[in-house]
Amino acid sequence: MGVIVYSPMKSGLLTGKMTRERVAAMPEDDFRKGKAQFQEPNLSRNLTLADLLKAIGARHGRTVGEAAIAWCLRQPQVTGAIVGIRSAAQVGGVAEAATFRLSPEEVGEIARSMEGHPA
């Protein structure tokens, strides 16, 4: 049995473009406003994770989104990922994620940063 993950970039949190200010400015009817991942203390943890993924991606000339997707695809139980994009321009930030391979050390670095995070 395989698992297909949904929203490996956590509804935009792991794109490298989300900030506390952007979350605060979201309209009240934005579905993300009510999600626990966009509220403290989870928001701070997720923004820290995004910073780590940005650094890991930069080591390889990759985007934050590619690093997030690559981490999901690196999990042994995961066979695929549903990646949502809103425009053709966003394809470039994730297109090569399927071929991006994180090192075991990088996978460990991400896992350590996620300890204690809610799913």
PDB file of N, CA and C in Angstrom:
ATOM      1  N   MET A   1       0.838  -1.159   0.000  1.00  0.00           N
ATOM      2  CA  MET A   1       0.000   0.000   0.000  1.00  0.00           C
ATOM      3  C   MET A   1       0.894   1.236   0.000  1.00  0.00           C
ATOM      4  N   GLY A   2       0.482   2.226  -0.746  1.00  0.00           N
ATOM      5  CA  GLY A   2       1.222   3.474  -0.800  1.00  0.00           C
ATOM      6  C   GLY A   2       0.397   4.618  -0.244  1.00  0.00           C
ATOM      7  N   VAL A   3       1.045   5.730  -0.027  1.00  0.00           N
ATOM      8  CA  VAL A   3       0.395   6.922   0.493  1.00  0.00           C
ATOM      9  C   VAL A   3       0.675   8.075  -0.463  1.00  0.00           C
ATOM     10  N   ILE A   4      -0.372   8.812  -0.786  1.00  0.00           N
ATOM     11  CA  ILE A   4      -0.216  10.033  -1.571  1.00  0.00           C
ATOM     12  C   ILE A   4      -0.457  11.196  -0.619  1.00  0.00           C
ATOM     13  N   VAL A   5       0.548  12.043  -0.453  1.00  0.00           N
ATOM     14  CA  VAL A   5       0.421  13.172   0.468  1.00  0.00           C
ATOM     15  C   VAL A   5      -0.268  14.336  -0.232  1.00  0.00           C
ATOM     16  N   TYR A   6      -1.039  15.055   0.541  1.00  0.00           N
ATOM     17  CA  TYR A   6      -1.765  16.220   0.050  1.00  0.00           C
ATOM     18  C   TYR A   6      -1.163  17.470   0.672  1.00  0.00           C
ATOM     19  N   SER A   7      -0.915  18.462  -0.152  1.00  0.00           N
ATOM     20  CA  SER A   7      -0.409  19.756   0.296  1.00  0.00           C
ATOM     21  C   SER A   7       0.937  19.669   1.008  1.00  0.00           C
ATOM     22  N   PRO A   8       1.958  19.133   0.321  1.00  0.00           N
ATOM     23  CA  PRO A   8       3.270  19.023   0.962  1.00  0.00           C
ATOM     24  C   PRO A   8       3.896  20.374   1.305  1.00  0.00           C
ATOM     25  N   MET A   9       3.347  21.452   0.775  1.00  0.00           N
ATOM     26  CA  MET A   9       3.870  22.775   1.117  1.00  0.00           C
ATOM     27  C   MET A   9       2.966  23.469   2.142  1.00  0.00           C
ATOM     28  N   LYS A  10       2.139  22.672   2.820  1.00  0.00           N
ATOM     29  CA  LYS A  10       1.283  23.145   3.922  1.00  0.00           C
ATOM     30  C   LYS A  10       0.494  24.396   3.552  1.00  0.00           C
ATOM     31  N   SER A  11      -0.254  24.310   2.470  1.00  0.00           N
ATOM     32  CA  SER A  11      -1.128  25.403   2.042  1.00  0.00           C
ATOM     33  C   SER A  11      -0.386  26.731   1.902  1.00  0.00           C
ATOM     34  N   GLY A  12       0.844  26.663   1.444  1.00  0.00           N
ATOM     35  CA  GLY A  12       1.630  27.866   1.198  1.00  0.00           C
ATOM     36  C   GLY A  12       2.649  28.196   2.267  1.00  0.00           C
ATOM     37  N   LEU A  13       2.560  27.560   3.428  1.00  0.00           N
ATOM     38  CA  LEU A  13       3.498  27.869   4.509  1.00  0.00           C
ATOM     39  C   LEU A  13       4.934  27.540   4.147  1.00  0.00           C
ATOM     40  N   LEU A  14       5.138  26.518   3.347  1.00  0.00           N
ATOM     41  CA  LEU A  14       6.500  26.086   3.033  1.00  0.00           C
ATOM     42  C   LEU A  14       6.923  26.491   1.626  1.00  0.00           C
ATOM     43  N   THR A  15       6.448  27.629   1.175  1.00  0.00           N
ATOM     44  CA  THR A  15       6.846  28.131  -0.134  1.00  0.00           C
ATOM     45  C   THR A  15       7.987  29.129  -0.047  1.00  0.00           C
ATOM     46  N   GLY A  16       8.276  29.597   1.164  1.00  0.00           N
ATOM     47  CA  GLY A  16       9.306  30.600   1.344  1.00  0.00           C
ATOM     48  C   GLY A  16       8.787  32.017   1.176  1.00  0.00           C
ATOM     49  N   LYS A  17       7.510  32.152   0.897  1.00  0.00           N
ATOM     50  CA  LYS A  17       6.930  33.483   0.696  1.00  0.00           C
ATOM     51  C   LYS A  17       5.975  33.884   1.815  1.00  0.00           C
ATOM     52  N   MET A  18       5.725  32.974   2.738  1.00  0.00           N
ATOM     53  CA  MET A  18       4.783  33.259   3.818  1.00  0.00           C
ATOM     54  C   MET A  18       5.520  33.934   4.966  1.00  0.00           C
ATOM     55  N   THR A  19       4.879  34.942   5.535  1.00  0.00           N
ATOM     56  CA  THR A  19       5.415  35.652   6.698  1.00  0.00           C
ATOM     57  C   THR A  19       4.280  35.837   7.703  1.00  0.00           C
ATOM     58  N   ARG A  20       4.631  36.212   8.922  1.00  0.00           N
ATOM     59  CA  ARG A  20       3.605  36.514   9.926  1.00  0.00           C
ATOM     60  C   ARG A  20       2.703  37.638   9.425  1.00  0.00           C
ATOM     61  N   GLU A  21       3.319  38.627   8.783  1.00  0.00           N
ATOM     62  CA  GLU A  21       2.551  39.770   8.292  1.00  0.00           C
ATOM     63  C   GLU A  21       1.563  39.335   7.206  1.00  0.00           C
ATOM     64  N   ARG A  22       1.997  38.459   6.339  1.00  0.00           N
ATOM     65  CA  ARG A  22       1.106  37.981   5.279  1.00  0.00           C
ATOM     66  C   ARG A  22      -0.058  37.186   5.868  1.00  0.00           C
ATOM     67  N   VAL A  23       0.219  36.362   6.860  1.00  0.00           N
ATOM     68  CA  VAL A  23      -0.846  35.601   7.517  1.00  0.00           C
ATOM     69  C   VAL A  23      -1.820  36.556   8.195  1.00  0.00           C
ATOM     70  N   ALA A  24      -1.300  37.552   8.903  1.00  0.00           N
ATOM     71  CA  ALA A  24      -2.151  38.519   9.603  1.00  0.00           C
ATOM     72  C   ALA A  24      -3.034  39.299   8.633  1.00  0.00           C
ATOM     73  N   ALA A  25      -2.538  39.523   7.425  1.00  0.00           N
ATOM     74  CA  ALA A  25      -3.276  40.312   6.437  1.00  0.00           C
ATOM     75  C   ALA A  25      -4.263  39.476   5.615  1.00  0.00           C
ATOM     76  N   MET A  26      -4.290  38.162   5.841  1.00  0.00           N
ATOM     77  CA  MET A  26      -5.221  37.329   5.072  1.00  0.00           C
ATOM     78  C   MET A  26      -6.659  37.720   5.399  1.00  0.00           C
ATOM     79  N   PRO A  27      -7.523  37.708   4.393  1.00  0.00           N
ATOM     80  CA  PRO A  27      -8.935  38.005   4.665  1.00  0.00           C
ATOM     81  C   PRO A  27      -9.530  36.969   5.618  1.00  0.00           C
ATOM     82  N   GLU A  28     -10.508  37.367   6.382  1.00  0.00           N
ATOM     83  CA  GLU A  28     -11.120  36.467   7.360  1.00  0.00           C
ATOM     84  C   GLU A  28     -11.719  35.226   6.720  1.00  0.00           C
ATOM     85  N   ASP A  29     -12.117  35.323   5.445  1.00  0.00           N
ATOM     86  CA  ASP A  29     -12.726  34.155   4.795  1.00  0.00           C
ATOM     87  C   ASP A  29     -11.694  33.229   4.137  1.00  0.00           C
ATOM     88  N   ASP A  30     -10.412  33.520   4.294  1.00  0.00           N
ATOM     89  CA  ASP A  30      -9.371  32.638   3.776  1.00  0.00           C
ATOM     90  C   ASP A  30      -9.371  31.386   4.643  1.00  0.00           C
ATOM     91  N   PHE A  31      -9.550  30.227   4.036  1.00  0.00           N
ATOM     92  CA  PHE A  31      -9.659  28.975   4.785  1.00  0.00           C
ATOM     93  C   PHE A  31      -8.445  28.707   5.673  1.00  0.00           C
ATOM     94  N   ARG A  32      -7.301  29.250   5.293  1.00  0.00           N
ATOM     95  CA  ARG A  32      -6.086  28.995   6.059  1.00  0.00           C
ATOM     96  C   ARG A  32      -6.100  29.681   7.420  1.00  0.00           C
ATOM     97  N   LYS A  33      -6.817  30.790   7.541  1.00  0.00           N
ATOM     98  CA  LYS A  33      -6.862  31.543   8.798  1.00  0.00           C
ATOM     99  C   LYS A  33      -7.262  30.665   9.982  1.00  0.00           C
ATOM    100  N   GLY A  34      -8.176  29.729   9.762  1.00  0.00           N
ATOM    101  CA  GLY A  34      -8.667  28.890  10.847  1.00  0.00           C
ATOM    102  C   GLY A  34      -7.864  27.628  11.080  1.00  0.00           C
ATOM    103  N   LYS A  35      -6.887  27.361  10.228  1.00  0.00           N
ATOM    104  CA  LYS A  35      -6.091  26.140  10.379  1.00  0.00           C
ATOM    105  C   LYS A  35      -5.047  26.315  11.476  1.00  0.00           C
ATOM    106  N   ALA A  36      -4.892  25.271  12.260  1.00  0.00           N
ATOM    107  CA  ALA A  36      -3.936  25.309  13.373  1.00  0.00           C
ATOM    108  C   ALA A  36      -2.518  25.617  12.890  1.00  0.00           C
ATOM    109  N   GLN A  37      -2.169  25.196  11.682  1.00  0.00           N
ATOM    110  CA  GLN A  37      -0.824  25.417  11.161  1.00  0.00           C
ATOM    111  C   GLN A  37      -0.508  26.897  10.940  1.00  0.00           C
ATOM    112  N   PHE A  38      -1.551  27.728  10.863  1.00  0.00           N
ATOM    113  CA  PHE A  38      -1.375  29.162  10.629  1.00  0.00           C
ATOM    114  C   PHE A  38      -1.555  29.971  11.917  1.00  0.00           C
ATOM    115  N   GLN A  39      -1.646  29.287  13.048  1.00  0.00           N
ATOM    116  CA  GLN A  39      -1.816  29.951  14.336  1.00  0.00           C
ATOM    117  C   GLN A  39      -0.656  29.578  15.239  1.00  0.00           C
ATOM    118  N   GLU A  40      -0.359  30.467  16.174  1.00  0.00           N
ATOM    119  CA  GLU A  40       0.744  30.213  17.118  1.00  0.00           C
ATOM    120  C   GLU A  40       0.368  29.097  18.072  1.00  0.00           C
ATOM    121  N   PRO A  41       1.310  28.287  18.489  1.00  0.00           N
ATOM    122  CA  PRO A  41       2.744  28.362  18.234  1.00  0.00           C
ATOM    123  C   PRO A  41       3.157  27.677  16.927  1.00  0.00           C
ATOM    124  N   ASN A  42       2.203  27.037  16.265  1.00  0.00           N
ATOM    125  CA  ASN A  42       2.524  26.307  15.034  1.00  0.00           C
ATOM    126  C   ASN A  42       3.061  27.210  13.938  1.00  0.00           C
ATOM    127  N   LEU A  43       2.537  28.422  13.828  1.00  0.00           N
ATOM    128  CA  LEU A  43       2.995  29.325  12.775  1.00  0.00           C
ATOM    129  C   LEU A  43       4.496  29.571  12.895  1.00  0.00           C
ATOM    130  N   SER A  44       4.966  29.864  14.095  1.00  0.00           N
ATOM    131  CA  SER A  44       6.409  30.111  14.288  1.00  0.00           C
ATOM    132  C   SER A  44       7.221  28.882  13.927  1.00  0.00           C
ATOM    133  N   ARG A  45       6.772  27.712  14.346  1.00  0.00           N
ATOM    134  CA  ARG A  45       7.481  26.471  14.015  1.00  0.00           C
ATOM    135  C   ARG A  45       7.526  26.255  12.506  1.00  0.00           C
ATOM    136  N   ASN A  46       6.409  26.494  11.852  1.00  0.00           N
ATOM    137  CA  ASN A  46       6.360  26.273  10.404  1.00  0.00           C
ATOM    138  C   ASN A  46       7.211  27.273   9.640  1.00  0.00           C
ATOM    139  N   LEU A  47       7.263  28.503  10.102  1.00  0.00           N
ATOM    140  CA  LEU A  47       8.119  29.492   9.437  1.00  0.00           C
ATOM    141  C   LEU A  47       9.594  29.153   9.651  1.00  0.00           C
ATOM    142  N   THR A  48       9.931  28.615  10.820  1.00  0.00           N
ATOM    143  CA  THR A  48      11.299  28.153  11.069  1.00  0.00           C
ATOM    144  C   THR A  48      11.630  26.979  10.156  1.00  0.00           C
ATOM    145  N   LEU A  49      10.692  26.061   9.999  1.00  0.00           N
ATOM    146  CA  LEU A  49      10.882  24.932   9.089  1.00  0.00           C
ATOM    147  C   LEU A  49      11.069  25.434   7.658  1.00  0.00           C
ATOM    148  N   ALA A  50      10.293  26.425   7.247  1.00  0.00           N
ATOM    149  CA  ALA A  50      10.443  26.993   5.903  1.00  0.00           C
ATOM    150  C   ALA A  50      11.840  27.584   5.718  1.00  0.00           C
ATOM    151  N   ASP A  51      12.358  28.235   6.753  1.00  0.00           N
ATOM    152  CA  ASP A  51      13.718  28.787   6.679  1.00  0.00           C
ATOM    153  C   ASP A  51      14.748  27.674   6.501  1.00  0.00           C
ATOM    154  N   LEU A  52      14.571  26.581   7.224  1.00  0.00           N
ATOM    155  CA  LEU A  52      15.489  25.442   7.098  1.00  0.00           C
ATOM    156  C   LEU A  52      15.405  24.859   5.689  1.00  0.00           C
ATOM    157  N   LEU A  53      14.198  24.660   5.185  1.00  0.00           N
ATOM    158  CA  LEU A  53      14.035  24.117   3.833  1.00  0.00           C
ATOM    159  C   LEU A  53      14.624  25.056   2.783  1.00  0.00           C
ATOM    160  N   LYS A  54      14.519  26.350   3.030  1.00  0.00           N
ATOM    161  CA  LYS A  54      15.122  27.324   2.115  1.00  0.00           C
ATOM    162  C   LYS A  54      16.638  27.152   2.092  1.00  0.00           C
ATOM    163  N   ALA A  55      17.234  26.997   3.267  1.00  0.00           N
ATOM    164  CA  ALA A  55      18.689  26.816   3.346  1.00  0.00           C
ATOM    165  C   ALA A  55      19.117  25.515   2.670  1.00  0.00           C
ATOM    166  N   ILE A  56      18.378  24.447   2.903  1.00  0.00           N
ATOM    167  CA  ILE A  56      18.704  23.162   2.281  1.00  0.00           C
ATOM    168  C   ILE A  56      18.555  23.266   0.767  1.00  0.00           C
ATOM    169  N   GLY A  57      17.462  23.855   0.309  1.00  0.00           N
ATOM    170  CA  GLY A  57      17.262  24.031  -1.130  1.00  0.00           C
ATOM    171  C   GLY A  57      18.376  24.858  -1.752  1.00  0.00           C
ATOM    172  N   ALA A  58      18.768  25.927  -1.068  1.00  0.00           N
ATOM    173  CA  ALA A  58      19.818  26.813  -1.595  1.00  0.00           C
ATOM    174  C   ALA A  58      21.137  26.078  -1.785  1.00  0.00           C
ATOM    175  N   ARG A  59      21.427  25.120  -0.915  1.00  0.00           N
ATOM    176  CA  ARG A  59      22.662  24.336  -1.054  1.00  0.00           C
ATOM    177  C   ARG A  59      22.726  23.618  -2.396  1.00  0.00           C
ATOM    178  N   HIS A  60      21.552  23.357  -2.955  1.00  0.00           N
ATOM    179  CA  HIS A  60      21.459  22.583  -4.193  1.00  0.00           C
ATOM    180  C   HIS A  60      20.936  23.405  -5.370  1.00  0.00           C
ATOM    181  N   GLY A  61      20.758  24.696  -5.165  1.00  0.00           N
ATOM    182  CA  GLY A  61      20.187  25.530  -6.217  1.00  0.00           C
ATOM    183  C   GLY A  61      18.717  25.223  -6.453  1.00  0.00           C
ATOM    184  N   ARG A  62      18.005  24.837  -5.392  1.00  0.00           N
ATOM    185  CA  ARG A  62      16.600  24.450  -5.468  1.00  0.00           C
ATOM    186  C   ARG A  62      15.745  25.406  -4.651  1.00  0.00           C
ATOM    187  N   THR A  63      14.443  25.365  -4.896  1.00  0.00           N
ATOM    188  CA  THR A  63      13.517  26.233  -4.174  1.00  0.00           C
ATOM    189  C   THR A  63      13.086  25.582  -2.862  1.00  0.00           C
ATOM    190  N   VAL A  64      12.469  26.393  -2.013  1.00  0.00           N
ATOM    191  CA  VAL A  64      11.902  25.900  -0.761  1.00  0.00           C
ATOM    192  C   VAL A  64      10.860  24.825  -1.057  1.00  0.00           C
ATOM    193  N   GLY A  65      10.001  25.103  -2.034  1.00  0.00           N
ATOM    194  CA  GLY A  65       8.957  24.153  -2.394  1.00  0.00           C
ATOM    195  C   GLY A  65       9.515  22.821  -2.856  1.00  0.00           C
ATOM    196  N   GLU A  66      10.564  22.867  -3.647  1.00  0.00           N
ATOM    197  CA  GLU A  66      11.195  21.624  -4.090  1.00  0.00           C
ATOM    198  C   GLU A  66      11.744  20.839  -2.913  1.00  0.00           C
ATOM    199  N   ALA A  67      12.338  21.539  -1.953  1.00  0.00           N
ATOM    200  CA  ALA A  67      12.870  20.852  -0.773  1.00  0.00           C
ATOM    201  C   ALA A  67      11.750  20.228   0.047  1.00  0.00           C
ATOM    202  N   ALA A  68      10.631  20.939   0.208  1.00  0.00           N
ATOM    203  CA  ALA A  68       9.493  20.400   0.965  1.00  0.00           C
ATOM    204  C   ALA A  68       8.917  19.161   0.289  1.00  0.00           C
ATOM    205  N   ILE A  69       8.737  19.234  -1.008  1.00  0.00           N
ATOM    206  CA  ILE A  69       8.183  18.100  -1.751  1.00  0.00           C
ATOM    207  C   ILE A  69       9.162  16.935  -1.744  1.00  0.00           C
ATOM    208  N   ALA A  70      10.444  17.235  -1.937  1.00  0.00           N
ATOM    209  CA  ALA A  70      11.460  16.181  -1.930  1.00  0.00           C
ATOM    210  C   ALA A  70      11.490  15.465  -0.588  1.00  0.00           C
ATOM    211  N   TRP A  71      11.313  16.208   0.512  1.00  0.00           N
ATOM    212  CA  TRP A  71      11.289  15.576   1.824  1.00  0.00           C
ATOM    213  C   TRP A  71      10.103  14.618   1.923  1.00  0.00           C
ATOM    214  N   CYS A  72       8.941  15.064   1.477  1.00  0.00           N
ATOM    215  CA  CYS A  72       7.760  14.188   1.506  1.00  0.00           C
ATOM    216  C   CYS A  72       8.000  12.933   0.678  1.00  0.00           C
ATOM    217  N   LEU A  73       8.528  13.105  -0.518  1.00  0.00           N
ATOM    218  CA  LEU A  73       8.747  11.961  -1.404  1.00  0.00           C
ATOM    219  C   LEU A  73       9.849  11.041  -0.894  1.00  0.00           C
ATOM    220  N   ARG A  74      10.682  11.522  -0.002  1.00  0.00           N
ATOM    221  CA  ARG A  74      11.776  10.724   0.558  1.00  0.00           C
ATOM    222  C   ARG A  74      11.286   9.758   1.633  1.00  0.00           C
ATOM    223  N   GLN A  75      10.072   9.980   2.137  1.00  0.00           N
ATOM    224  CA  GLN A  75       9.511   9.102   3.159  1.00  0.00           C
ATOM    225  C   GLN A  75       9.180   7.756   2.528  1.00  0.00           C
ATOM    226  N   PRO A  76       9.601   6.651   3.126  1.00  0.00           N
ATOM    227  CA  PRO A  76       9.443   5.338   2.485  1.00  0.00           C
ATOM    228  C   PRO A  76       7.997   4.947   2.204  1.00  0.00           C
ATOM    229  N   GLN A  77       7.059   5.411   2.989  1.00  0.00           N
ATOM    230  CA  GLN A  77       5.667   5.047   2.777  1.00  0.00           C
ATOM    231  C   GLN A  77       4.967   5.900   1.716  1.00  0.00           C
ATOM    232  N   VAL A  78       5.593   6.973   1.288  1.00  0.00           N
ATOM    233  CA  VAL A  78       4.969   7.904   0.339  1.00  0.00           C
ATOM    234  C   VAL A  78       5.298   7.493  -1.091  1.00  0.00           C
ATOM    235  N   THR A  79       4.250   7.390  -1.904  1.00  0.00           N
ATOM    236  CA  THR A  79       4.436   7.029  -3.308  1.00  0.00           C
ATOM    237  C   THR A  79       4.163   8.193  -4.250  1.00  0.00           C
ATOM    238  N   GLY A  80       3.566   9.262  -3.745  1.00  0.00           N
ATOM    239  CA  GLY A  80       3.285  10.418  -4.590  1.00  0.00           C
ATOM    240  C   GLY A  80       2.826  11.594  -3.756  1.00  0.00           C
ATOM    241  N   ALA A  81       2.761  12.760  -4.400  1.00  0.00           N
ATOM    242  CA  ALA A  81       2.338  13.980  -3.710  1.00  0.00           C
ATOM    243  C   ALA A  81       1.420  14.786  -4.609  1.00  0.00           C
ATOM    244  N   ILE A  82       0.348  15.285  -4.029  1.00  0.00           N
ATOM    245  CA  ILE A  82      -0.549  16.195  -4.741  1.00  0.00           C
ATOM    246  C   ILE A  82      -0.081  17.606  -4.405  1.00  0.00           C
ATOM    247  N   VAL A  83       0.452  18.278  -5.396  1.00  0.00           N
ATOM    248  CA  VAL A  83       1.014  19.608  -5.214  1.00  0.00           C
ATOM    249  C   VAL A  83       0.067  20.614  -5.863  1.00  0.00           C
ATOM    250  N   GLY A  84      -0.467  21.499  -5.056  1.00  0.00           N
ATOM    251  CA  GLY A  84      -1.384  22.508  -5.585  1.00  0.00           C
ATOM    252  C   GLY A  84      -0.641  23.749  -6.031  1.00  0.00           C
ATOM    253  N   ILE A  85      -0.946  24.214  -7.206  1.00  0.00           N
ATOM    254  CA  ILE A  85      -0.405  25.483  -7.696  1.00  0.00           C
ATOM    255  C   ILE A  85      -1.560  26.294  -8.245  1.00  0.00           C
ATOM    256  N   ARG A  86      -1.428  27.593  -8.188  1.00  0.00           N
ATOM    257  CA  ARG A  86      -2.508  28.478  -8.632  1.00  0.00           C
ATOM    258  C   ARG A  86      -2.239  29.150  -9.968  1.00  0.00           C
ATOM    259  N   SER A  87      -1.007  29.047 -10.447  1.00  0.00           N
ATOM    260  CA  SER A  87      -0.694  29.679 -11.720  1.00  0.00           C
ATOM    261  C   SER A  87       0.440  28.929 -12.406  1.00  0.00           C
ATOM    262  N   ALA A  88       0.567  29.137 -13.693  1.00  0.00           N
ATOM    263  CA  ALA A  88       1.638  28.504 -14.455  1.00  0.00           C
ATOM    264  C   ALA A  88       3.006  28.960 -13.949  1.00  0.00           C
ATOM    265  N   ALA A  89       3.097  30.177 -13.462  1.00  0.00           N
ATOM    266  CA  ALA A  89       4.359  30.705 -12.964  1.00  0.00           C
ATOM    267  C   ALA A  89       4.875  29.911 -11.765  1.00  0.00           C
ATOM    268  N   GLN A  90       3.985  29.313 -10.998  1.00  0.00           N
ATOM    269  CA  GLN A  90       4.395  28.563  -9.815  1.00  0.00           C
ATOM    270  C   GLN A  90       4.974  27.193 -10.157  1.00  0.00           C
ATOM    271  N   VAL A  91       4.777  26.723 -11.364  1.00  0.00           N
ATOM    272  CA  VAL A  91       5.296  25.410 -11.765  1.00  0.00           C
ATOM    273  C   VAL A  91       6.821  25.384 -11.647  1.00  0.00           C
ATOM    274  N   GLY A  92       7.472  26.465 -12.024  1.00  0.00           N
ATOM    275  CA  GLY A  92       8.930  26.525 -11.982  1.00  0.00           C
ATOM    276  C   GLY A  92       9.504  26.309 -10.595  1.00  0.00           C
ATOM    277  N   GLY A  93       8.754  26.639  -9.557  1.00  0.00           N
ATOM    278  CA  GLY A  93       9.247  26.490  -8.198  1.00  0.00           C
ATOM    279  C   GLY A  93       9.147  25.082  -7.645  1.00  0.00           C
ATOM    280  N   VAL A  94       8.482  24.191  -8.388  1.00  0.00           N
ATOM    281  CA  VAL A  94       8.306  22.824  -7.883  1.00  0.00           C
ATOM    282  C   VAL A  94       8.558  21.751  -8.943  1.00  0.00           C
ATOM    283  N   ALA A  95       8.779  22.152 -10.171  1.00  0.00           N
ATOM    284  CA  ALA A  95       8.839  21.205 -11.288  1.00  0.00           C
ATOM    285  C   ALA A  95       9.891  20.120 -11.129  1.00  0.00           C
ATOM    286  N   GLU A  96      11.012  20.446 -10.537  1.00  0.00           N
ATOM    287  CA  GLU A  96      12.112  19.486 -10.436  1.00  0.00           C
ATOM    288  C   GLU A  96      12.142  18.729  -9.108  1.00  0.00           C
ATOM    289  N   ALA A  97      11.114  18.895  -8.299  1.00  0.00           N
ATOM    290  CA  ALA A  97      11.111  18.258  -6.977  1.00  0.00           C
ATOM    291  C   ALA A  97      11.202  16.741  -7.061  1.00  0.00           C
ATOM    292  N   ALA A  98      10.613  16.143  -8.083  1.00  0.00           N
ATOM    293  CA  ALA A  98      10.615  14.682  -8.194  1.00  0.00           C
ATOM    294  C   ALA A  98      12.020  14.116  -8.403  1.00  0.00           C
ATOM    295  N   THR A  99      12.924  14.927  -8.940  1.00  0.00           N
ATOM    296  CA  THR A  99      14.286  14.437  -9.183  1.00  0.00           C
ATOM    297  C   THR A  99      15.277  14.913  -8.125  1.00  0.00           C
ATOM    298  N   PHE A 100      14.823  15.726  -7.191  1.00  0.00           N
ATOM    299  CA  PHE A 100      15.677  16.269  -6.140  1.00  0.00           C
ATOM    300  C   PHE A 100      15.807  15.231  -5.027  1.00  0.00           C
ATOM    301  N   ARG A 101      17.015  14.844  -4.712  1.00  0.00           N
ATOM    302  CA  ARG A 101      17.261  13.850  -3.670  1.00  0.00           C
ATOM    303  C   ARG A 101      17.973  14.500  -2.490  1.00  0.00           C
ATOM    304  N   LEU A 102      17.343  14.453  -1.346  1.00  0.00           N
ATOM    305  CA  LEU A 102      17.953  14.946  -0.123  1.00  0.00           C
ATOM    306  C   LEU A 102      18.908  13.891   0.421  1.00  0.00           C
ATOM    307  N   SER A 103      19.964  14.336   1.035  1.00  0.00           N
ATOM    308  CA  SER A 103      20.896  13.398   1.659  1.00  0.00           C
ATOM    309  C   SER A 103      20.275  12.875   2.961  1.00  0.00           C
ATOM    310  N   PRO A 104      20.759  11.740   3.445  1.00  0.00           N
ATOM    311  CA  PRO A 104      20.272  11.253   4.743  1.00  0.00           C
ATOM    312  C   PRO A 104      20.481  12.280   5.852  1.00  0.00           C
ATOM    313  N   GLU A 105      21.577  13.024   5.789  1.00  0.00           N
ATOM    314  CA  GLU A 105      21.842  14.056   6.792  1.00  0.00           C
ATOM    315  C   GLU A 105      20.788  15.166   6.728  1.00  0.00           C
ATOM    316  N   GLU A 106      20.410  15.556   5.518  1.00  0.00           N
ATOM    317  CA  GLU A 106      19.387  16.597   5.362  1.00  0.00           C
ATOM    318  C   GLU A 106      18.024  16.103   5.834  1.00  0.00           C
ATOM    319  N   VAL A 107      17.705  14.856   5.535  1.00  0.00           N
ATOM    320  CA  VAL A 107      16.447  14.279   6.010  1.00  0.00           C
ATOM    321  C   VAL A 107      16.430  14.299   7.537  1.00  0.00           C
ATOM    322  N   GLY A 108      17.553  13.947   8.156  1.00  0.00           N
ATOM    323  CA  GLY A 108      17.659  13.985   9.617  1.00  0.00           C
ATOM    324  C   GLY A 108      17.534  15.393  10.167  1.00  0.00           C
ATOM    325  N   GLU A 109      18.133  16.342   9.480  1.00  0.00           N
ATOM    326  CA  GLU A 109      18.063  17.745   9.889  1.00  0.00           C
ATOM    327  C   GLU A 109      16.606  18.213   9.904  1.00  0.00           C
ATOM    328  N   ILE A 110      15.861  17.870   8.871  1.00  0.00           N
ATOM    329  CA  ILE A 110      14.447  18.241   8.785  1.00  0.00           C
ATOM    330  C   ILE A 110      13.656  17.520   9.870  1.00  0.00           C
ATOM    331  N   ALA A 111      13.898  16.234  10.041  1.00  0.00           N
ATOM    332  CA  ALA A 111      13.173  15.458  11.054  1.00  0.00           C
ATOM    333  C   ALA A 111      13.392  16.044  12.448  1.00  0.00           C
ATOM    334  N   ARG A 112      14.626  16.407  12.759  1.00  0.00           N
ATOM    335  CA  ARG A 112      14.917  16.988  14.069  1.00  0.00           C
ATOM    336  C   ARG A 112      14.179  18.310  14.253  1.00  0.00           C
ATOM    337  N   SER A 113      14.080  19.093  13.203  1.00  0.00           N
ATOM    338  CA  SER A 113      13.398  20.378  13.315  1.00  0.00           C
ATOM    339  C   SER A 113      11.895  20.209  13.504  1.00  0.00           C
ATOM    340  N   MET A 114      11.378  19.061  13.105  1.00  0.00           N
ATOM    341  CA  MET A 114       9.938  18.809  13.193  1.00  0.00           C
ATOM    342  C   MET A 114       9.532  18.072  14.454  1.00  0.00           C
ATOM    343  N   GLU A 115      10.475  17.692  15.286  1.00  0.00           N
ATOM    344  CA  GLU A 115      10.136  16.971  16.509  1.00  0.00           C
ATOM    345  C   GLU A 115       9.180  17.799  17.347  1.00  0.00           C
ATOM    346  N   GLY A 116       8.087  17.162  17.745  1.00  0.00           N
ATOM    347  CA  GLY A 116       7.083  17.840  18.546  1.00  0.00           C
ATOM    348  C   GLY A 116       6.061  18.622  17.747  1.00  0.00           C
ATOM    349  N   HIS A 117       6.220  18.662  16.419  1.00  0.00           N
ATOM    350  CA  HIS A 117       5.233  19.354  15.584  1.00  0.00           C
ATOM    351  C   HIS A 117       3.974  18.523  15.467  1.00  0.00           C
ATOM    352  N   PRO A 118       2.810  19.140  15.500  1.00  0.00           N
ATOM    353  CA  PRO A 118       1.601  18.397  15.164  1.00  0.00           C
ATOM    354  C   PRO A 118       1.589  18.110  13.673  1.00  0.00           C
ATOM    355  N   ALA A 119       0.940  17.071  13.268  1.00  0.00           N
ATOM    356  CA  ALA A 119       0.894  16.699  11.837  1.00  0.00           C
ATOM    357  C   ALA A 119       0.171  17.735  11.027  1.00  0.00           C
TER     358      ALA A 119
END
